Amino acid sequence: MAQIEAVCVQDNSSDSDDSGNDEEADLKQNPNVELSDDDGDPPPVRVLLLAFMFMFQGYGVMVGSPAHALKVKLGVTADMADEFQEATASFQLAKLSMRILQIAFLVFVQPNGIVYISYVVMMAGLLVPVVFVWGAGVTGMWVVYLQYILGGIAVGLFEGTFLSVISSLGKNTKTFAIMGAPLGFFLNNTVLATFTLMGMPVIFYYLFGIATLPVAMWIYHKHRPDADPASKGKGCAVFMHSMKHAMEWMPLMLPWFLAKFIGNFVLEDGFPLLFNTFNTQRVPFWGGPADTENTIPFSAYTAFYWFPMMAAGDTISRRLPRYVSLTSWQKCYMYLGIAILLCVGGEALTFLLIAIVTGIATFISNFGNGFIYGLSAKYIDSYIAEEHRYAAYNLWCFCGDLGGYAGQGGMSVSLAHKACAGKEYTYVCHGSSHGKHR
C-alpha cells in the first residue's frame, strides 16, 4: 500500500516538468500516466468486487425499497414525508463529515484499519432497526437518524480509503471493484425485493446485510495489499502533506469534483423522486400518467424494471473507462462532459412522468454517474502522484457527498412537487395538489 502508507512525509513534487503551459503536453509527459491499461497492470483481483459490493449492499438497505419498507413500518404519514427525507439525508451529512474527520483516525490506525472499522460500523447501523424497530417497537424518528448516521459514517470511512488502498493492485482491479456499488443496490432492490414479493419479511433486508459484512471483511483481509510496518501512524501526516502541496494536484481535480457532485446528486435524488411521483400502489406502465388500464404493481415495477435499469446503467459504465483513452486533456474533458450530460438529461426525462420512460431515464442518468466514477478513478490513478491519491480520493468523495445530501434531502421532495405541479392522476402524482407523497 505504498501509495498511502509508505510515503515519506516530505516534498516529493517533481521539479523536472518544464512543459510550459500546454496542458495536453503536461498530461502526456506526466510520469504517472499509463498510455496502455495493459502495460504493467497486474492481473485483476476480481473477488474484491464482493468486498466492495457487500458494503454498498448495506448502503443499499438505506435507499429505495428497503427505505420505503422502513417508512411504512414506522407509520410515517404523508405530512411527515419531508421530516423522514431529512432524517435519511443525515446519512449524507455523516458521510461527508467522515471524509475529513477520518484524518483523526489516521493518527492511531493505518488506512487498512479504517476499512475494517467501517465494516463494523455498518453492521452496527444495520442492527439499529432490527433491535429498536422490529425488536422494541420504536417508531420515533430518532431511530432513523441513528441508523443513517452510522451508515454514513461507515461509507464515509470506507469508500475513498478502500479505493486508495487497492490502487497498487492496478486499474483493472479497481474497475472491477467499483462495479460492486450498483450491484449492491441491485441485490437489495431487485433480488431481495423479489423475495419480499413472495412473502419474505422485510427484516431480512437487514439480517442479510449483517451476515454478508463479515464475509466482506474476510475477502478484503485475504486479498488487500500488504501494509508497510514502517508507515504506521503516518497516514495523517501524509494527508496533511498533500494539503500543504495542494497546488500540485488539486487544480487538476476541480472538474472531477464538480462531476462527482452532479453524479451523486442524480444518484441519490432518483430514489425519492421516483417514490414521490409514482406514489400509489400501481404504475401505468404502457401508457402515460393518466392511464388507468395498463397498470402493474409498484413493487413489481421497481423490482423488475426500474432498479435493474438503474443497476445496469451504473454497472456497465463503471467498466467502460477501461476501454477509453485519457491521454490528452481534450479527451478527459470530452468524456467527462458526456457523462455530465447523461446525468442531467436522464434526470430531465423523469419529469415526463411516463413510467417506461422513467426506467430509460434512470439507465441514462446512472450510466452517466457510473461513467463519472470510473473515469475519475482512472484519471486519479493516471495523473495524480501516488503521495496525493489518498487526499484526492477522499476530497473527490466529499464533493460527491455534498451532491448526495442535496439530492437526498428535502430538495428531492421539492423536485417531485415541481414534476407534479399542476398535474394529478389516479396513479401518478396522486394527491399532489394536497402535498401527499409516499
Foldseek 3Di string as FASTA:
>chain_A
DCLFQVDDLDDPDDPPPPVPPAQLVLLQPFPLADQAQPVVQDDAPLVLLLLLQLLLLLVLCLFFPNVVVLCVLLVQFQVCVQVLLALLLLLLVLLLVLLPVCLVVLQAFPLLVLLVVLLVLSLVLLCLCVCVCVNVVDNDSVSSNSSSNSSSNSCSSHDLSVLLQCVVNGLQNVLSNVLSNLVSNLCVQAVVLVVVVVPDDSSVSSVVSSVSSVVSNVSCVVDTDDHDVVRRSCNSSLLVSCVVVVVSPVVVCVLLLVLLLLLLLLVLLLRLLVQFWLVDQWAQAPDARQDDPRIDGPSCLRRPFQSVLLSVLLNVLSNVVSPDGPSGVVRLVVQLVLLSCQLVVLVVQVLSRHSNSVSVSSSSNNNSSNNSVNSVSSCCSRRPRSSNSSNSSSSSVSSNSNSNSCSSHSVSLVVSLVSCPVHDHPRTCHCSVVSGGD
